[in-house]
N, C-alpha and C. Protein backbone atom coordinates (compact mmCIF):
# COMPACT_ATOMS: atom_id res chain seq x y z
N MET A 1 -7.41 -15.01 -1.75
CA MET A 1 -6.30 -16.04 -1.64
C MET A 1 -6.43 -16.68 -0.64
N LYS A 2 -6.09 -18.13 -0.81
CA LYS A 2 -6.67 -19.65 -0.14
C LYS A 2 -5.51 -19.25 0.91
N ASN A 3 -6.67 -19.68 1.97
CA ASN A 3 -6.13 -20.26 3.23
C ASN A 3 -5.11 -21.35 3.85
N THR A 4 -3.87 -21.68 3.77
CA THR A 4 -2.92 -22.89 3.62
C THR A 4 -1.82 -22.25 4.15
N ALA A 5 -1.11 -23.88 4.51
CA ALA A 5 -0.52 -22.98 5.54
C ALA A 5 1.22 -21.71 5.43
N ALA A 6 1.17 -21.92 3.63
CA ALA A 6 1.85 -20.52 3.32
C ALA A 6 1.38 -19.73 3.29
N THR A 7 -0.20 -19.55 3.70
CA THR A 7 -0.52 -18.27 2.84
C THR A 7 -1.57 -17.99 4.06
N LYS A 8 -2.17 -16.35 4.41
CA LYS A 8 -3.21 -16.72 5.43
C LYS A 8 -4.19 -15.47 4.48
N TRP A 9 -5.91 -15.62 5.21
CA TRP A 9 -6.47 -14.69 4.47
C TRP A 9 -5.91 -13.22 5.14
N ILE A 10 -6.35 -12.11 3.95
CA ILE A 10 -5.28 -10.63 4.59
C ILE A 10 -7.08 -10.23 4.17
N LYS A 11 -7.10 -9.35 5.64
CA LYS A 11 -8.35 -8.31 5.30
C LYS A 11 -7.98 -6.98 4.30
N PRO A 12 -8.49 -7.00 3.66
CA PRO A 12 -8.31 -5.99 2.50
C PRO A 12 -8.31 -4.52 3.23
N GLN A 13 -7.14 -3.78 3.11
CA GLN A 13 -7.13 -2.43 3.72
C GLN A 13 -8.18 -1.26 3.00
N ALA A 14 -8.76 -0.42 3.51
CA ALA A 14 -9.65 0.42 2.84
C ALA A 14 -8.88 1.91 2.92
N TRP A 15 -8.57 2.27 1.51
CA TRP A 15 -7.68 3.13 1.19
C TRP A 15 -8.38 4.44 0.67
N GLY A 16 -9.58 4.44 0.82
CA GLY A 16 -10.56 5.23 0.40
C GLY A 16 -10.52 6.93 0.58
N HIS A 17 -9.44 7.00 1.22
CA HIS A 17 -9.45 8.01 2.01
C HIS A 17 -8.17 8.75 2.00
N LEU A 18 -7.38 8.01 1.04
CA LEU A 18 -6.12 8.21 0.45
C LEU A 18 -6.62 9.51 -0.92
N GLN A 19 -5.89 10.32 -1.06
CA GLN A 19 -5.25 11.59 -2.10
C GLN A 19 -4.21 11.29 -3.10
N PRO A 20 -4.32 11.59 -4.47
CA PRO A 20 -3.17 11.57 -4.53
C PRO A 20 -2.69 13.06 -4.22
N GLY A 21 -0.85 12.92 -4.05
CA GLY A 21 -0.04 13.53 -3.01
C GLY A 21 0.00 13.69 -1.84
N ASP A 22 -0.91 12.57 -0.95
CA ASP A 22 -0.78 12.58 0.53
C ASP A 22 0.74 11.88 0.28
N HIS A 23 1.39 12.42 1.82
CA HIS A 23 2.16 11.71 2.29
C HIS A 23 2.08 10.77 3.05
N VAL A 24 2.63 9.06 3.20
CA VAL A 24 2.40 8.09 3.67
C VAL A 24 3.78 7.37 4.64
N HIS A 25 3.08 6.95 4.93
CA HIS A 25 3.95 5.62 5.48
C HIS A 25 3.51 4.35 5.00
N VAL A 26 4.01 3.21 4.55
CA VAL A 26 4.21 2.43 3.81
C VAL A 26 4.93 0.99 4.69
N THR A 27 4.35 0.10 5.05
CA THR A 27 5.05 -0.93 5.90
C THR A 27 4.77 -2.31 4.99
N GLU A 28 5.23 -2.95 3.87
CA GLU A 28 5.04 -4.26 3.64
C GLU A 28 5.20 -5.22 4.26
N ALA A 29 4.28 -6.15 3.87
CA ALA A 29 4.51 -7.62 4.57
C ALA A 29 5.81 -8.37 4.84
N SER A 30 6.70 -7.73 4.29
CA SER A 30 8.03 -8.35 5.02
C SER A 30 8.45 -7.77 6.57
N GLY A 31 7.94 -6.38 6.32
CA GLY A 31 8.32 -5.77 7.48
C GLY A 31 9.09 -4.32 7.16
N PHE A 32 9.48 -4.26 5.88
CA PHE A 32 10.02 -3.21 5.48
C PHE A 32 9.20 -2.39 5.32
N THR A 33 9.56 -0.85 5.77
CA THR A 33 8.92 0.32 6.22
C THR A 33 9.22 1.23 5.23
N TYR A 34 8.91 2.46 4.50
CA TYR A 34 9.32 3.71 3.40
C TYR A 34 8.44 4.65 4.09
N ALA A 35 9.05 5.38 3.79
CA ALA A 35 7.73 6.89 3.49
C ALA A 35 7.87 7.25 2.25
N ALA A 36 6.51 7.67 1.19
CA ALA A 36 5.88 7.65 -0.23
C ALA A 36 5.14 8.54 0.07
N GLN A 37 4.95 9.05 -1.39
CA GLN A 37 3.64 10.09 -1.56
C GLN A 37 2.94 9.61 -2.37
N VAL A 38 1.55 9.13 -2.30
CA VAL A 38 0.62 8.37 -3.23
C VAL A 38 0.78 9.67 -5.06
N GLU A 39 0.94 8.89 -5.91
CA GLU A 39 1.14 9.49 -7.24
C GLU A 39 -0.22 9.20 -7.71
N THR A 40 -1.31 7.97 -7.95
CA THR A 40 -2.14 7.96 -8.12
C THR A 40 -2.71 6.49 -7.85
N MET A 41 -4.15 6.42 -8.02
CA MET A 41 -4.86 4.97 -7.12
C MET A 41 -6.07 4.93 -8.41
N THR A 42 -6.47 3.38 -8.39
CA THR A 42 -7.63 3.00 -9.12
C THR A 42 -9.07 3.92 -8.48
N PRO A 43 -10.05 3.85 -9.01
CA PRO A 43 -11.28 4.72 -8.51
C PRO A 43 -11.83 4.23 -7.81
N ASN A 44 -11.84 2.94 -7.08
CA ASN A 44 -12.18 2.05 -6.30
C ASN A 44 -11.14 1.96 -4.83
N ALA A 45 -10.02 2.47 -5.33
CA ALA A 45 -8.68 2.82 -4.01
C ALA A 45 -8.45 1.47 -4.24
N ASP A 46 -8.62 0.39 -4.58
CA ASP A 46 -7.97 -0.75 -4.25
C ASP A 46 -5.70 -1.20 -4.72
N ILE A 47 -5.94 0.00 -5.53
CA ILE A 47 -4.51 -0.04 -6.08
C ILE A 47 -4.19 1.16 -6.02
N ILE A 48 -3.05 1.68 -5.12
CA ILE A 48 -2.33 2.87 -5.16
C ILE A 48 -0.79 2.53 -6.12
N TRP A 49 -0.98 3.85 -6.31
CA TRP A 49 0.64 3.92 -6.64
C TRP A 49 1.38 4.91 -6.29
N VAL A 50 2.85 4.29 -5.50
CA VAL A 50 3.48 5.44 -4.39
C VAL A 50 4.72 5.21 -4.69
N ARG A 51 5.52 6.69 -4.85
CA ARG A 51 6.68 7.17 -5.03
C ARG A 51 7.23 7.18 -3.82
N ALA A 52 8.63 6.00 -3.60
CA ALA A 52 9.08 6.29 -2.36
C ALA A 52 10.20 7.63 -2.17
N LEU A 53 9.86 7.99 -0.90
CA LEU A 53 10.66 9.34 -1.14
C LEU A 53 12.31 8.95 -0.11
N GLY A 54 13.13 10.05 -1.09
CA GLY A 54 14.33 8.94 -0.80
C GLY A 54 14.84 8.26 -2.13
N LEU A 55 14.32 7.16 -2.18
CA LEU A 55 14.69 6.18 -2.87
C LEU A 55 14.29 6.47 -4.67
N TRP A 56 13.24 7.35 -4.31
CA TRP A 56 12.63 7.48 -5.79
C TRP A 56 11.87 6.41 -6.60
N THR A 57 11.60 5.45 -6.26
CA THR A 57 11.18 4.66 -7.09
C THR A 57 9.85 4.12 -6.97
N ARG A 58 8.87 3.73 -7.76
CA ARG A 58 7.56 4.05 -7.77
C ARG A 58 7.37 2.48 -7.41
N HIS A 59 5.89 2.17 -6.72
CA HIS A 59 5.68 1.15 -6.46
C HIS A 59 4.24 0.86 -6.76
N LEU A 60 3.56 -0.28 -7.32
CA LEU A 60 2.34 -0.60 -6.98
C LEU A 60 1.56 -1.12 -5.82
N LEU A 61 0.90 -0.98 -5.14
CA LEU A 61 0.24 -1.81 -4.08
C LEU A 61 -1.08 -2.11 -4.05
N THR A 62 -1.66 -3.21 -4.04
CA THR A 62 -2.71 -3.52 -3.90
C THR A 62 -3.58 -3.73 -2.32
N ASN A 63 -4.39 -3.71 -2.28
CA ASN A 63 -4.91 -3.66 -0.45
C ASN A 63 -5.50 -5.17 -0.35
N HIS A 64 -4.86 -6.01 -0.97
CA HIS A 64 -5.47 -7.58 -0.60
C HIS A 64 -3.69 -8.00 -0.27
N GLU A 65 -2.67 -7.56 -0.75
CA GLU A 65 -1.36 -8.28 -0.50
C GLU A 65 -0.80 -7.79 1.49
N GLY A 66 -1.42 -7.39 2.25
CA GLY A 66 -1.42 -7.26 3.30
C GLY A 66 -0.15 -5.82 3.77
N VAL A 67 0.07 -4.87 2.56
CA VAL A 67 0.53 -3.74 3.06
C VAL A 67 -0.11 -2.79 3.71
N LEU A 68 0.28 -2.21 4.94
CA LEU A 68 -0.41 -1.50 5.58
C LEU A 68 0.20 0.11 5.05
N VAL A 69 -1.02 0.92 4.86
CA VAL A 69 -0.29 2.27 4.01
C VAL A 69 -1.33 3.19 5.17
N THR A 70 -0.11 3.90 5.81
CA THR A 70 -0.82 4.96 6.71
C THR A 70 -0.51 6.90 6.58
N LEU A 71 -1.38 7.46 6.11
CA LEU A 71 -0.96 8.97 6.46
C LEU A 71 -0.29 9.11 7.31
N ALA A 72 1.20 10.25 6.91
CA ALA A 72 1.93 10.44 7.63
C ALA A 72 1.80 11.96 8.64
């Protein structure tokens, strides 16, 4: 990601400790927060798919987009 007035450098979050089935809290870069469950992830854990609890929507998250994912 380029560092310009419209964007800023985002330090990738380490998600290697997460496992499918984990319950997590997701805070998107916009500030929107929701509870979710990890469904699957890439082998290097830089991309995860979560199912938002209550909403039941599926979200693809990358560790470079400013999303904060913490264990519930």
